[in-house]
């Protein structure tokens, strides 16, 4: 299992986690109002720079999600 940040000269993904079979691309947005669909679309686009044949998933985590989980 590996987890870390990914970037190139123009794009950045907050977290990429993967093992032999799966890869997950994660964006974290610490804002009050986040359009998750728009962020996910951008994440999918950025993930295309990472060539892989793994089962892929995408996750957007927001400030609102965090606050809900801690209340």
N, C-alpha and C. Protein backbone atom coordinates (compact mmCIF):
# COMPACT_ATOMS: atom_id res chain seq x y z
N UNK A 1 0.84 -1.18 0.00
CA UNK A 1 0.00 0.00 0.00
C UNK A 1 0.88 1.24 0.00
N UNK A 2 0.47 2.22 -0.77
CA UNK A 2 1.19 3.49 -0.80
C UNK A 2 0.18 4.63 -0.79
N UNK A 3 0.59 5.73 -0.18
CA UNK A 3 -0.27 6.91 -0.12
C UNK A 3 0.63 8.14 -0.15
N UNK A 4 0.18 9.15 -0.87
CA UNK A 4 0.97 10.38 -0.93
C UNK A 4 0.32 11.40 -1.84
N UNK A 5 1.03 12.48 -2.05
CA UNK A 5 0.61 13.57 -2.92
C UNK A 5 1.12 13.30 -4.32
N UNK A 6 0.46 13.85 -5.31
CA UNK A 6 0.95 13.75 -6.69
C UNK A 6 0.90 15.13 -7.33
N UNK A 7 1.92 15.45 -8.11
CA UNK A 7 1.91 16.70 -8.87
C UNK A 7 2.84 16.58 -10.07
N UNK A 8 2.56 17.42 -11.05
CA UNK A 8 3.49 17.63 -12.16
C UNK A 8 3.66 19.14 -12.28
N UNK A 9 4.12 19.61 -13.42
CA UNK A 9 4.39 21.05 -13.51
C UNK A 9 3.14 21.92 -13.59
N UNK A 10 1.96 21.33 -13.80
CA UNK A 10 0.73 22.13 -13.91
C UNK A 10 -0.40 21.67 -13.00
N UNK A 11 -0.41 20.42 -12.60
CA UNK A 11 -1.53 19.86 -11.86
C UNK A 11 -1.07 19.28 -10.52
N UNK A 12 -2.04 19.15 -9.59
CA UNK A 12 -1.74 18.59 -8.28
C UNK A 12 -2.96 17.83 -7.78
N UNK A 13 -2.72 16.69 -7.15
CA UNK A 13 -3.78 15.91 -6.51
C UNK A 13 -3.39 15.78 -5.04
N UNK A 14 -4.32 16.12 -4.15
CA UNK A 14 -4.01 16.14 -2.72
C UNK A 14 -3.52 14.79 -2.21
N UNK A 15 -4.26 13.72 -2.52
CA UNK A 15 -3.90 12.39 -2.03
C UNK A 15 -4.16 11.36 -3.12
N UNK A 16 -3.18 10.49 -3.31
CA UNK A 16 -3.34 9.31 -4.17
C UNK A 16 -2.95 8.11 -3.31
N UNK A 17 -3.87 7.17 -3.18
CA UNK A 17 -3.62 5.97 -2.39
C UNK A 17 -3.84 4.76 -3.29
N UNK A 18 -2.93 3.78 -3.21
CA UNK A 18 -3.10 2.61 -4.07
C UNK A 18 -2.44 1.38 -3.49
N UNK A 19 -2.92 0.24 -3.97
CA UNK A 19 -2.31 -1.05 -3.69
C UNK A 19 -2.20 -1.78 -5.02
N UNK A 20 -2.06 -3.09 -4.99
CA UNK A 20 -1.88 -3.85 -6.23
C UNK A 20 -3.10 -3.81 -7.15
N UNK A 21 -4.29 -3.62 -6.58
CA UNK A 21 -5.52 -3.71 -7.36
C UNK A 21 -6.32 -2.41 -7.47
N UNK A 22 -6.17 -1.51 -6.52
CA UNK A 22 -7.02 -0.32 -6.43
C UNK A 22 -6.19 0.96 -6.39
N UNK A 23 -6.81 2.03 -6.87
CA UNK A 23 -6.22 3.37 -6.73
C UNK A 23 -7.35 4.35 -6.42
N UNK A 24 -7.09 5.25 -5.48
CA UNK A 24 -8.09 6.25 -5.08
C UNK A 24 -7.46 7.64 -5.17
N UNK A 25 -8.14 8.53 -5.86
CA UNK A 25 -7.72 9.92 -6.00
C UNK A 25 -8.60 10.76 -5.08
N UNK A 26 -7.99 11.59 -4.24
CA UNK A 26 -8.73 12.33 -3.22
C UNK A 26 -8.37 13.81 -3.27
N UNK A 27 -9.39 14.65 -3.26
CA UNK A 27 -9.20 16.10 -3.15
C UNK A 27 -9.82 16.56 -1.84
N UNK A 28 -9.13 17.42 -1.12
CA UNK A 28 -9.61 17.98 0.14
C UNK A 28 -9.82 19.48 -0.05
N UNK A 29 -11.01 19.95 0.26
CA UNK A 29 -11.34 21.38 0.11
C UNK A 29 -11.83 21.91 1.45
N UNK A 30 -11.06 22.81 2.06
CA UNK A 30 -11.41 23.36 3.36
C UNK A 30 -12.12 24.70 3.17
N UNK A 31 -13.32 24.60 2.59
CA UNK A 31 -14.13 25.78 2.31
C UNK A 31 -15.56 25.48 2.74
N UNK A 32 -16.35 26.54 2.95
CA UNK A 32 -17.73 26.36 3.38
C UNK A 32 -18.64 25.90 2.25
N UNK A 33 -18.47 26.44 1.07
CA UNK A 33 -19.34 26.09 -0.05
C UNK A 33 -18.47 25.50 -1.17
N UNK A 34 -18.66 24.22 -1.43
CA UNK A 34 -17.86 23.53 -2.45
C UNK A 34 -18.81 22.82 -3.41
N UNK A 35 -18.60 23.02 -4.68
CA UNK A 35 -19.34 22.28 -5.70
C UNK A 35 -18.60 20.96 -5.91
N UNK A 36 -19.03 19.93 -5.19
CA UNK A 36 -18.32 18.64 -5.22
C UNK A 36 -18.29 18.04 -6.62
N UNK A 37 -19.36 18.22 -7.39
CA UNK A 37 -19.39 17.66 -8.75
C UNK A 37 -18.31 18.30 -9.61
N UNK A 38 -18.15 19.60 -9.49
CA UNK A 38 -17.13 20.31 -10.27
C UNK A 38 -15.72 19.88 -9.84
N UNK A 39 -15.52 19.76 -8.54
CA UNK A 39 -14.21 19.32 -8.02
C UNK A 39 -13.92 17.90 -8.48
N UNK A 40 -14.93 17.04 -8.45
CA UNK A 40 -14.74 15.65 -8.89
C UNK A 40 -14.40 15.59 -10.38
N UNK A 41 -15.07 16.39 -11.19
CA UNK A 41 -14.76 16.43 -12.63
C UNK A 41 -13.31 16.82 -12.86
N UNK A 42 -12.85 17.83 -12.13
CA UNK A 42 -11.45 18.27 -12.26
C UNK A 42 -10.50 17.18 -11.78
N UNK A 43 -10.88 16.48 -10.72
CA UNK A 43 -10.06 15.39 -10.19
C UNK A 43 -9.93 14.26 -11.21
N UNK A 44 -11.03 13.92 -11.84
CA UNK A 44 -11.01 12.87 -12.88
C UNK A 44 -10.08 13.30 -14.01
N UNK A 45 -10.17 14.55 -14.42
CA UNK A 45 -9.30 15.06 -15.49
C UNK A 45 -7.83 14.97 -15.08
N UNK A 46 -7.52 15.43 -13.86
CA UNK A 46 -6.13 15.39 -13.39
C UNK A 46 -5.62 13.96 -13.25
N UNK A 47 -6.48 13.05 -12.87
CA UNK A 47 -6.05 11.65 -12.68
C UNK A 47 -5.64 11.00 -14.00
N UNK A 48 -6.09 11.56 -15.11
CA UNK A 48 -5.75 10.98 -16.41
C UNK A 48 -4.25 11.08 -16.71
N UNK A 49 -3.53 11.92 -15.96
CA UNK A 49 -2.08 12.02 -16.13
C UNK A 49 -1.35 10.82 -15.52
N UNK A 50 -2.05 10.06 -14.67
CA UNK A 50 -1.46 8.90 -14.02
C UNK A 50 -1.99 7.65 -14.71
N UNK A 51 -1.16 7.03 -15.49
CA UNK A 51 -1.57 5.83 -16.23
C UNK A 51 -1.61 4.64 -15.28
N UNK A 52 -2.74 3.94 -15.28
CA UNK A 52 -2.86 2.76 -14.43
C UNK A 52 -3.96 1.86 -14.97
N UNK A 53 -3.94 0.62 -14.54
CA UNK A 53 -4.97 -0.34 -14.93
C UNK A 53 -5.69 -0.88 -13.69
N UNK A 54 -5.71 -0.08 -12.64
CA UNK A 54 -6.31 -0.49 -11.37
C UNK A 54 -7.79 -0.06 -11.31
N UNK A 55 -8.53 -0.70 -10.41
CA UNK A 55 -9.90 -0.27 -10.13
C UNK A 55 -9.79 1.12 -9.48
N UNK A 56 -10.44 2.11 -10.09
CA UNK A 56 -10.24 3.50 -9.72
C UNK A 56 -11.46 4.07 -9.00
N UNK A 57 -11.19 4.86 -7.95
CA UNK A 57 -12.26 5.59 -7.27
C UNK A 57 -11.80 7.02 -7.00
N UNK A 58 -12.79 7.88 -6.79
CA UNK A 58 -12.54 9.31 -6.59
C UNK A 58 -13.30 9.76 -5.35
N UNK A 59 -12.68 10.62 -4.56
CA UNK A 59 -13.29 11.09 -3.33
C UNK A 59 -13.00 12.57 -3.15
N UNK A 60 -14.04 13.33 -2.81
CA UNK A 60 -13.89 14.75 -2.50
C UNK A 60 -14.30 14.92 -1.04
N UNK A 61 -13.39 15.45 -0.24
CA UNK A 61 -13.65 15.67 1.18
C UNK A 61 -13.67 17.18 1.41
N UNK A 62 -14.73 17.65 2.09
CA UNK A 62 -14.88 19.09 2.32
C UNK A 62 -14.90 19.42 3.81
N UNK A 63 -14.80 20.69 4.10
CA UNK A 63 -14.91 21.17 5.48
C UNK A 63 -16.25 20.73 6.07
N UNK A 64 -17.29 20.83 5.28
CA UNK A 64 -18.63 20.43 5.74
C UNK A 64 -18.66 18.96 6.12
N UNK A 65 -18.02 18.10 5.31
CA UNK A 65 -17.96 16.67 5.63
C UNK A 65 -17.28 16.44 6.97
N UNK A 66 -16.17 17.14 7.18
CA UNK A 66 -15.42 17.00 8.42
C UNK A 66 -16.26 17.44 9.61
N UNK A 67 -16.90 18.59 9.50
CA UNK A 67 -17.70 19.11 10.61
C UNK A 67 -18.86 18.18 10.94
N UNK A 68 -19.48 17.59 9.92
CA UNK A 68 -20.57 16.64 10.15
C UNK A 68 -20.07 15.40 10.88
N UNK A 69 -18.87 14.95 10.53
CA UNK A 69 -18.35 13.71 11.11
C UNK A 69 -17.89 13.90 12.55
N UNK A 70 -17.66 15.13 12.98
CA UNK A 70 -17.18 15.37 14.34
C UNK A 70 -18.27 15.91 15.26
N UNK A 71 -19.48 16.07 14.75
CA UNK A 71 -20.54 16.61 15.61
C UNK A 71 -21.39 15.52 16.21
